[in-house]
Amino acid sequence: MTKPPKSPKLEHSELSGEFTEDDITVLVDIFRKAGSQEDWTMEVVTQNEDLIRWDEPFATDREAFDEFLATIARDGIASFVEDDDVSVH
């Protein structure tokens, strides 16, 4: 009998955590394999538990968080929340 491979332990950036703006809260998670010098992965989890993951890794956790902030500055935090009832005129 073979055991399934273990999931690697993850190291989470101190920049990870909840972020709230305009009464919308998302969870920013920036992580990499524990004990490695690999690039960082960033995910955002919305209040509706939707998961948004950036395709490209980041060299540093700060670069990842800066990209998150730039996305909010450019598109607004509401861009992470999909709402079919909202229409653009």
C-alpha atoms as a PDB file:
ATOM      1  CA  MET A   1       0.000   0.000   0.000  1.00  0.00           C
ATOM      2  CA  THR A   2       1.355   3.407  -0.911  1.00  0.00           C
ATOM      3  CA  LYS A   3       0.650   6.471   1.152  1.00  0.00           C
ATOM      4  CA  PRO A   4      -0.560   9.620  -0.585  1.00  0.00           C
ATOM      5  CA  PRO A   5       2.112  12.305  -0.788  1.00  0.00           C
ATOM      6  CA  LYS A   6       2.111  14.720   2.125  1.00  0.00           C
ATOM      7  CA  SER A   7       1.152  18.295   1.443  1.00  0.00           C
ATOM      8  CA  PRO A   8       4.171  20.547   1.927  1.00  0.00           C
ATOM      9  CA  LYS A   9       4.144  22.754   4.999  1.00  0.00           C
ATOM     10  CA  LEU A  10       3.670  26.399   4.110  1.00  0.00           C
ATOM     11  CA  GLU A  11       5.271  29.565   5.406  1.00  0.00           C
ATOM     12  CA  HIS A  12       2.837  32.491   5.478  1.00  0.00           C
ATOM     13  CA  SER A  13       4.024  36.070   5.118  1.00  0.00           C
ATOM     14  CA  GLU A  14       3.483  38.490   7.982  1.00  0.00           C
ATOM     15  CA  LEU A  15       1.791  40.667   5.325  1.00  0.00           C
ATOM     16  CA  SER A  16      -1.011  38.089   5.063  1.00  0.00           C
ATOM     17  CA  GLY A  17      -4.290  38.812   6.815  1.00  0.00           C
ATOM     18  CA  GLU A  18      -7.654  40.474   6.536  1.00  0.00           C
ATOM     19  CA  PHE A  19      -7.976  43.681   4.533  1.00  0.00           C
ATOM     20  CA  THR A  20     -11.108  45.832   4.734  1.00  0.00           C
ATOM     21  CA  GLU A  21     -12.120  48.765   2.560  1.00  0.00           C
ATOM     22  CA  ASP A  22     -15.596  50.170   1.757  1.00  0.00           C
ATOM     23  CA  ASP A  23     -17.204  47.610   4.116  1.00  0.00           C
ATOM     24  CA  ILE A  24     -15.718  44.736   2.076  1.00  0.00           C
ATOM     25  CA  THR A  25     -13.290  42.387   3.821  1.00  0.00           C
ATOM     26  CA  VAL A  26     -11.020  39.945   1.999  1.00  0.00           C
ATOM     27  CA  LEU A  27      -8.321  37.620   3.267  1.00  0.00           C
ATOM     28  CA  VAL A  28      -4.931  38.122   1.627  1.00  0.00           C
ATOM     29  CA  ASP A  29      -2.745  35.015   1.841  1.00  0.00           C
ATOM     30  CA  ILE A  30       0.883  35.231   0.708  1.00  0.00           C
ATOM     31  CA  PHE A  31       2.806  31.983   1.134  1.00  0.00           C
ATOM     32  CA  ARG A  32       5.565  29.649  -0.044  1.00  0.00           C
ATOM     33  CA  LYS A  33       6.885  26.227   0.878  1.00  0.00           C
ATOM     34  CA  ALA A  34       8.280  26.360   4.426  1.00  0.00           C
ATOM     35  CA  GLY A  35      12.052  26.532   4.734  1.00  0.00           C
ATOM     36  CA  SER A  36      12.534  27.338   1.066  1.00  0.00           C
ATOM     37  CA  GLN A  37      13.713  30.359  -0.846  1.00  0.00           C
ATOM     38  CA  GLU A  38      11.015  29.836  -3.484  1.00  0.00           C
ATOM     39  CA  ASP A  39       8.952  32.693  -4.862  1.00  0.00           C
ATOM     40  CA  TRP A  40       5.776  33.709  -3.049  1.00  0.00           C
ATOM     41  CA  THR A  41       2.239  32.825  -4.149  1.00  0.00           C
ATOM     42  CA  MET A  42      -0.672  35.183  -3.451  1.00  0.00           C
ATOM     43  CA  GLU A  43      -4.338  34.359  -3.041  1.00  0.00           C
ATOM     44  CA  VAL A  44      -7.316  36.466  -2.030  1.00  0.00           C
ATOM     45  CA  VAL A  45     -10.350  34.852  -0.399  1.00  0.00           C
ATOM     46  CA  THR A  46     -13.565  36.898  -0.525  1.00  0.00           C
ATOM     47  CA  GLN A  47     -16.439  37.075   1.961  1.00  0.00           C
ATOM     48  CA  ASN A  48     -18.276  34.626  -0.344  1.00  0.00           C
ATOM     49  CA  GLU A  49     -15.280  32.256  -0.110  1.00  0.00           C
ATOM     50  CA  ASP A  50     -14.305  32.834  -3.743  1.00  0.00           C
ATOM     51  CA  LEU A  51     -10.606  32.237  -4.315  1.00  0.00           C
ATOM     52  CA  ILE A  52      -8.557  34.502  -6.572  1.00  0.00           C
ATOM     53  CA  ARG A  53      -4.982  33.317  -7.209  1.00  0.00           C
ATOM     54  CA  TRP A  54      -2.330  35.249  -9.104  1.00  0.00           C
ATOM     55  CA  ASP A  55      -0.827  33.134 -11.894  1.00  0.00           C
ATOM     56  CA  GLU A  56       2.696  34.481 -11.564  1.00  0.00           C
ATOM     57  CA  PRO A  57       4.705  34.087  -8.353  1.00  0.00           C
ATOM     58  CA  PHE A  58       6.445  37.032  -6.687  1.00  0.00           C
ATOM     59  CA  ALA A  59      10.131  37.291  -5.762  1.00  0.00           C
ATOM     60  CA  THR A  60       9.253  38.779  -2.356  1.00  0.00           C
ATOM     61  CA  ASP A  61       6.189  38.883  -0.147  1.00  0.00           C
ATOM     62  CA  ARG A  62       6.349  42.697  -0.300  1.00  0.00           C
ATOM     63  CA  GLU A  63       6.078  42.605  -4.117  1.00  0.00           C
ATOM     64  CA  ALA A  64       3.004  40.412  -3.776  1.00  0.00           C
ATOM     65  CA  PHE A  65       1.351  42.730  -1.251  1.00  0.00           C
ATOM     66  CA  ASP A  66       2.231  45.804  -3.331  1.00  0.00           C
ATOM     67  CA  GLU A  67       0.500  44.150  -6.313  1.00  0.00           C
ATOM     68  CA  PHE A  68      -2.581  43.530  -4.151  1.00  0.00           C
ATOM     69  CA  LEU A  69      -2.629  47.209  -3.106  1.00  0.00           C
ATOM     70  CA  ALA A  70      -2.101  48.329  -6.725  1.00  0.00           C
ATOM     71  CA  THR A  71      -5.046  46.171  -7.819  1.00  0.00           C
ATOM     72  CA  ILE A  72      -7.273  47.806  -5.200  1.00  0.00           C
ATOM     73  CA  ALA A  73      -6.061  51.291  -6.183  1.00  0.00           C
ATOM     74  CA  ARG A  74      -6.701  50.553  -9.870  1.00  0.00           C
ATOM     75  CA  ASP A  75      -9.901  48.447  -9.742  1.00  0.00           C
ATOM     76  CA  GLY A  76     -11.289  48.886  -6.224  1.00  0.00           C
ATOM     77  CA  ILE A  77     -11.784  46.183  -3.613  1.00  0.00           C
ATOM     78  CA  ALA A  78     -15.224  45.454  -5.075  1.00  0.00           C
ATOM     79  CA  SER A  79     -13.442  43.983  -8.114  1.00  0.00           C
ATOM     80  CA  PHE A  80     -12.768  40.891  -5.984  1.00  0.00           C
ATOM     81  CA  VAL A  81     -16.470  40.377  -5.260  1.00  0.00           C
ATOM     82  CA  GLU A  82     -18.489  39.042  -8.151  1.00  0.00           C
ATOM     83  CA  ASP A  83     -22.106  40.136  -8.026  1.00  0.00           C
ATOM     84  CA  ASP A  84     -24.399  39.193 -10.888  1.00  0.00           C
ATOM     85  CA  ASP A  85     -26.950  41.792  -9.801  1.00  0.00           C
ATOM     86  CA  VAL A  86     -24.594  44.661 -10.584  1.00  0.00           C
ATOM     87  CA  SER A  87     -24.802  46.065 -14.075  1.00  0.00           C
ATOM     88  CA  VAL A  88     -22.697  48.692 -15.742  1.00  0.00           C
ATOM     89  CA  HIS A  89     -24.448  51.332 -17.832  1.00  0.00           C
END
